[in-house]
Amino acid sequence: PIKWVVRKDAEGFERVVMAEMLIPDVPNVYGDIYTREAIREFCYEHARQGYGIDINHDKVNVDHEKAYVVETFIARAGDPDFIEGSWVVGMKIIDDDLWADILSGTINGYSFEALCEMQPVVFQNL
């Protein structure tokens, strides 16, 4: 389950949400698993290419229409909110309906747009 961190300032909500986009060695919603190294590459390449973001894995890019990225980083050891090595994305929410869905808990996450090559992996119990 996604962990939303909704930031507030002295005047109320900033409409900025932060969440782990990818967590190392933990299957995502599609069952894909990413190493720390792969996650770092995704984070950097996503920023370089300007790929989009979608909500609830619906493959509809909301970037600059409903929200936009304001921060992206790899969580470091000791981070109080996120798992070490995770790719964290902070988004400014500009759409009122999307903001209401986030506050109500209707939205369960966002995902990244990218061109990538997947490699099958076989796990063995040792």
C-alpha atoms as a PDB file:
ATOM      1  CA  PRO A   1       0.000   0.000   0.000  1.00  0.00           C
ATOM      2  CA  ILE A   2       1.173   3.481  -0.836  1.00  0.00           C
ATOM      3  CA  LYS A   3       2.194   5.809   1.949  1.00  0.00           C
ATOM      4  CA  TRP A   4       1.061   9.367   1.211  1.00  0.00           C
ATOM      5  CA  VAL A   5       2.776  12.199   2.995  1.00  0.00           C
ATOM      6  CA  VAL A   6       0.665  15.325   2.678  1.00  0.00           C
ATOM      7  CA  ARG A   7       2.649  18.424   3.558  1.00  0.00           C
ATOM      8  CA  LYS A   8       1.097  21.424   5.312  1.00  0.00           C
ATOM      9  CA  ASP A   9       2.355  24.934   5.819  1.00  0.00           C
ATOM     10  CA  ALA A  10       1.274  27.581   8.345  1.00  0.00           C
ATOM     11  CA  GLU A  11      -1.690  28.581   6.167  1.00  0.00           C
ATOM     12  CA  GLY A  12      -3.057  25.081   5.563  1.00  0.00           C
ATOM     13  CA  PHE A  13      -2.509  22.530   2.852  1.00  0.00           C
ATOM     14  CA  GLU A  14       0.049  23.199   0.134  1.00  0.00           C
ATOM     15  CA  ARG A  15      -1.568  20.518  -2.047  1.00  0.00           C
ATOM     16  CA  VAL A  16       1.757  18.707  -2.254  1.00  0.00           C
ATOM     17  CA  VAL A  17       1.775  14.926  -1.803  1.00  0.00           C
ATOM     18  CA  MET A  18       4.809  12.702  -1.637  1.00  0.00           C
ATOM     19  CA  ALA A  19       4.831   8.965  -2.155  1.00  0.00           C
ATOM     20  CA  GLU A  20       7.165   6.111  -2.973  1.00  0.00           C
ATOM     21  CA  MET A  21       7.056   5.454  -6.689  1.00  0.00           C
ATOM     22  CA  LEU A  22       9.240   2.327  -6.466  1.00  0.00           C
ATOM     23  CA  ILE A  23      10.513   0.431  -3.429  1.00  0.00           C
ATOM     24  CA  PRO A  24      13.597  -1.777  -3.784  1.00  0.00           C
ATOM     25  CA  ASP A  25      13.026  -5.535  -3.850  1.00  0.00           C
ATOM     26  CA  VAL A  26       9.255  -5.189  -3.252  1.00  0.00           C
ATOM     27  CA  PRO A  27       6.813  -6.237  -6.003  1.00  0.00           C
ATOM     28  CA  ASN A  28       4.789  -3.353  -7.446  1.00  0.00           C
ATOM     29  CA  VAL A  29       1.126  -3.547  -8.471  1.00  0.00           C
ATOM     30  CA  TYR A  30       2.099  -5.548 -11.580  1.00  0.00           C
ATOM     31  CA  GLY A  31       4.378  -7.915  -9.667  1.00  0.00           C
ATOM     32  CA  ASP A  32       7.545  -6.332 -11.069  1.00  0.00           C
ATOM     33  CA  ILE A  33      10.566  -6.076  -8.764  1.00  0.00           C
ATOM     34  CA  TYR A  34      13.283  -3.428  -9.030  1.00  0.00           C
ATOM     35  CA  THR A  35      16.771  -3.344  -7.560  1.00  0.00           C
ATOM     36  CA  ARG A  36      18.175  -0.230  -5.869  1.00  0.00           C
ATOM     37  CA  GLU A  37      20.368   0.357  -8.914  1.00  0.00           C
ATOM     38  CA  ALA A  38      17.435   0.093 -11.339  1.00  0.00           C
ATOM     39  CA  ILE A  39      15.324   2.415  -9.182  1.00  0.00           C
ATOM     40  CA  ARG A  40      18.061   5.055  -9.176  1.00  0.00           C
ATOM     41  CA  GLU A  41      18.312   4.805 -12.990  1.00  0.00           C
ATOM     42  CA  PHE A  42      14.515   5.145 -13.347  1.00  0.00           C
ATOM     43  CA  CYS A  43      14.478   8.201 -11.092  1.00  0.00           C
ATOM     44  CA  TYR A  44      17.220   9.993 -13.014  1.00  0.00           C
ATOM     45  CA  GLU A  45      16.015   9.006 -16.476  1.00  0.00           C
ATOM     46  CA  HIS A  46      12.432  10.000 -15.660  1.00  0.00           C
ATOM     47  CA  ALA A  47      13.633  13.483 -14.725  1.00  0.00           C
ATOM     48  CA  ARG A  48      15.909  13.729 -17.770  1.00  0.00           C
ATOM     49  CA  GLN A  49      13.285  12.591 -20.287  1.00  0.00           C
ATOM     50  CA  GLY A  50      10.345  14.428 -18.723  1.00  0.00           C
ATOM     51  CA  TYR A  51       8.115  11.365 -18.806  1.00  0.00           C
ATOM     52  CA  GLY A  52       4.596  11.659 -17.386  1.00  0.00           C
ATOM     53  CA  ILE A  53       2.813  10.523 -14.251  1.00  0.00           C
ATOM     54  CA  ASP A  54      -0.521   8.727 -14.012  1.00  0.00           C
ATOM     55  CA  ILE A  55      -2.904   8.187 -11.129  1.00  0.00           C
ATOM     56  CA  ASN A  56      -4.101   4.745  -9.959  1.00  0.00           C
ATOM     57  CA  HIS A  57      -2.113   3.053 -12.748  1.00  0.00           C
ATOM     58  CA  ASP A  58      -4.745   4.022 -15.344  1.00  0.00           C
ATOM     59  CA  LYS A  59      -2.160   4.983 -18.029  1.00  0.00           C
ATOM     60  CA  VAL A  60      -3.608   8.506 -18.373  1.00  0.00           C
ATOM     61  CA  ASN A  61      -0.876  11.128 -18.075  1.00  0.00           C
ATOM     62  CA  VAL A  62      -1.963  13.850 -15.605  1.00  0.00           C
ATOM     63  CA  ASP A  63       1.319  15.788 -15.686  1.00  0.00           C
ATOM     64  CA  HIS A  64       0.646  19.547 -15.956  1.00  0.00           C
ATOM     65  CA  GLU A  65      -3.112  18.979 -16.290  1.00  0.00           C
ATOM     66  CA  LYS A  66      -4.051  17.771 -12.821  1.00  0.00           C
ATOM     67  CA  ALA A  67      -0.675  17.708 -11.076  1.00  0.00           C
ATOM     68  CA  TYR A  68       3.018  18.208 -11.692  1.00  0.00           C
ATOM     69  CA  VAL A  69       6.244  16.940 -10.185  1.00  0.00           C
ATOM     70  CA  VAL A  70       7.899  19.323  -7.723  1.00  0.00           C
ATOM     71  CA  GLU A  71      10.396  16.954  -6.131  1.00  0.00           C
ATOM     72  CA  THR A  72      11.965  13.589  -6.861  1.00  0.00           C
ATOM     73  CA  PHE A  73      14.671  11.792  -4.897  1.00  0.00           C
ATOM     74  CA  ILE A  74      16.042   8.505  -3.634  1.00  0.00           C
ATOM     75  CA  ALA A  75      15.247   8.028   0.079  1.00  0.00           C
ATOM     76  CA  ARG A  76      18.364   7.852   2.231  1.00  0.00           C
ATOM     77  CA  ALA A  77      19.061   5.795   5.324  1.00  0.00           C
ATOM     78  CA  GLY A  78      17.230   7.215   8.318  1.00  0.00           C
ATOM     79  CA  ASP A  79      14.501   8.929   6.280  1.00  0.00           C
ATOM     80  CA  PRO A  80      11.581   9.335   8.707  1.00  0.00           C
ATOM     81  CA  ASP A  81       8.893   8.815   6.053  1.00  0.00           C
ATOM     82  CA  PHE A  82      10.176   6.526   3.308  1.00  0.00           C
ATOM     83  CA  ILE A  83      11.984   3.219   2.870  1.00  0.00           C
ATOM     84  CA  GLU A  84      15.699   3.574   2.161  1.00  0.00           C
ATOM     85  CA  GLY A  85      16.501   3.281  -1.543  1.00  0.00           C
ATOM     86  CA  SER A  86      12.947   4.066  -2.660  1.00  0.00           C
ATOM     87  CA  TRP A  87      12.229   6.530  -5.443  1.00  0.00           C
ATOM     88  CA  VAL A  88      10.033   9.227  -3.915  1.00  0.00           C
ATOM     89  CA  VAL A  89       8.038  11.712  -5.968  1.00  0.00           C
ATOM     90  CA  GLY A  90       6.413  14.885  -4.650  1.00  0.00           C
ATOM     91  CA  MET A  91       3.568  16.306  -6.708  1.00  0.00           C
ATOM     92  CA  LYS A  92       1.716  19.608  -6.586  1.00  0.00           C
ATOM     93  CA  ILE A  93      -1.981  18.863  -7.086  1.00  0.00           C
ATOM     94  CA  ILE A  94      -3.767  21.535  -9.135  1.00  0.00           C
ATOM     95  CA  ASP A  95      -7.037  19.736  -9.879  1.00  0.00           C
ATOM     96  CA  ASP A  96      -9.748  20.154  -7.220  1.00  0.00           C
ATOM     97  CA  ASP A  97     -11.354  16.750  -7.843  1.00  0.00           C
ATOM     98  CA  LEU A  98      -8.011  14.953  -7.676  1.00  0.00           C
ATOM     99  CA  TRP A  99      -7.176  16.766  -4.431  1.00  0.00           C
ATOM    100  CA  ALA A 100     -10.532  15.723  -2.927  1.00  0.00           C
ATOM    101  CA  ASP A 101      -9.889  12.103  -3.980  1.00  0.00           C
ATOM    102  CA  ILE A 102      -6.472  12.160  -2.296  1.00  0.00           C
ATOM    103  CA  LEU A 103      -7.859  13.561   0.947  1.00  0.00           C
ATOM    104  CA  SER A 104     -10.729  11.038   0.975  1.00  0.00           C
ATOM    105  CA  GLY A 105      -8.404   8.092   0.325  1.00  0.00           C
ATOM    106  CA  THR A 106     -10.016   7.241  -3.027  1.00  0.00           C
ATOM    107  CA  ILE A 107      -6.680   7.572  -4.809  1.00  0.00           C
ATOM    108  CA  ASN A 108      -4.250   4.785  -3.898  1.00  0.00           C
ATOM    109  CA  GLY A 109      -1.140   5.865  -5.759  1.00  0.00           C
ATOM    110  CA  TYR A 110       0.545   7.116  -8.851  1.00  0.00           C
ATOM    111  CA  SER A 111       2.917   5.566 -11.311  1.00  0.00           C
ATOM    112  CA  PHE A 112       5.520   6.621 -13.836  1.00  0.00           C
ATOM    113  CA  GLU A 113       5.542   6.628 -17.609  1.00  0.00           C
ATOM    114  CA  ALA A 114       8.701   5.213 -19.170  1.00  0.00           C
ATOM    115  CA  LEU A 115      10.125   3.118 -21.952  1.00  0.00           C
ATOM    116  CA  CYS A 116      11.868   0.116 -20.437  1.00  0.00           C
ATOM    117  CA  GLU A 117      12.943  -3.431 -21.062  1.00  0.00           C
ATOM    118  CA  MET A 118      11.809  -6.044 -18.571  1.00  0.00           C
ATOM    119  CA  GLN A 119      13.835  -9.152 -17.766  1.00  0.00           C
ATOM    120  CA  PRO A 120      12.252 -12.287 -16.305  1.00  0.00           C
ATOM    121  CA  VAL A 121      13.687 -13.473 -12.990  1.00  0.00           C
ATOM    122  CA  VAL A 122      13.305 -16.870 -11.358  1.00  0.00           C
ATOM    123  CA  PHE A 123      13.437 -16.956  -7.549  1.00  0.00           C
ATOM    124  CA  GLN A 124      14.728 -20.022  -5.798  1.00  0.00           C
ATOM    125  CA  ASN A 125      14.469 -20.941  -2.147  1.00  0.00           C
ATOM    126  CA  LEU A 126      17.958 -21.513  -0.851  1.00  0.00           C
END
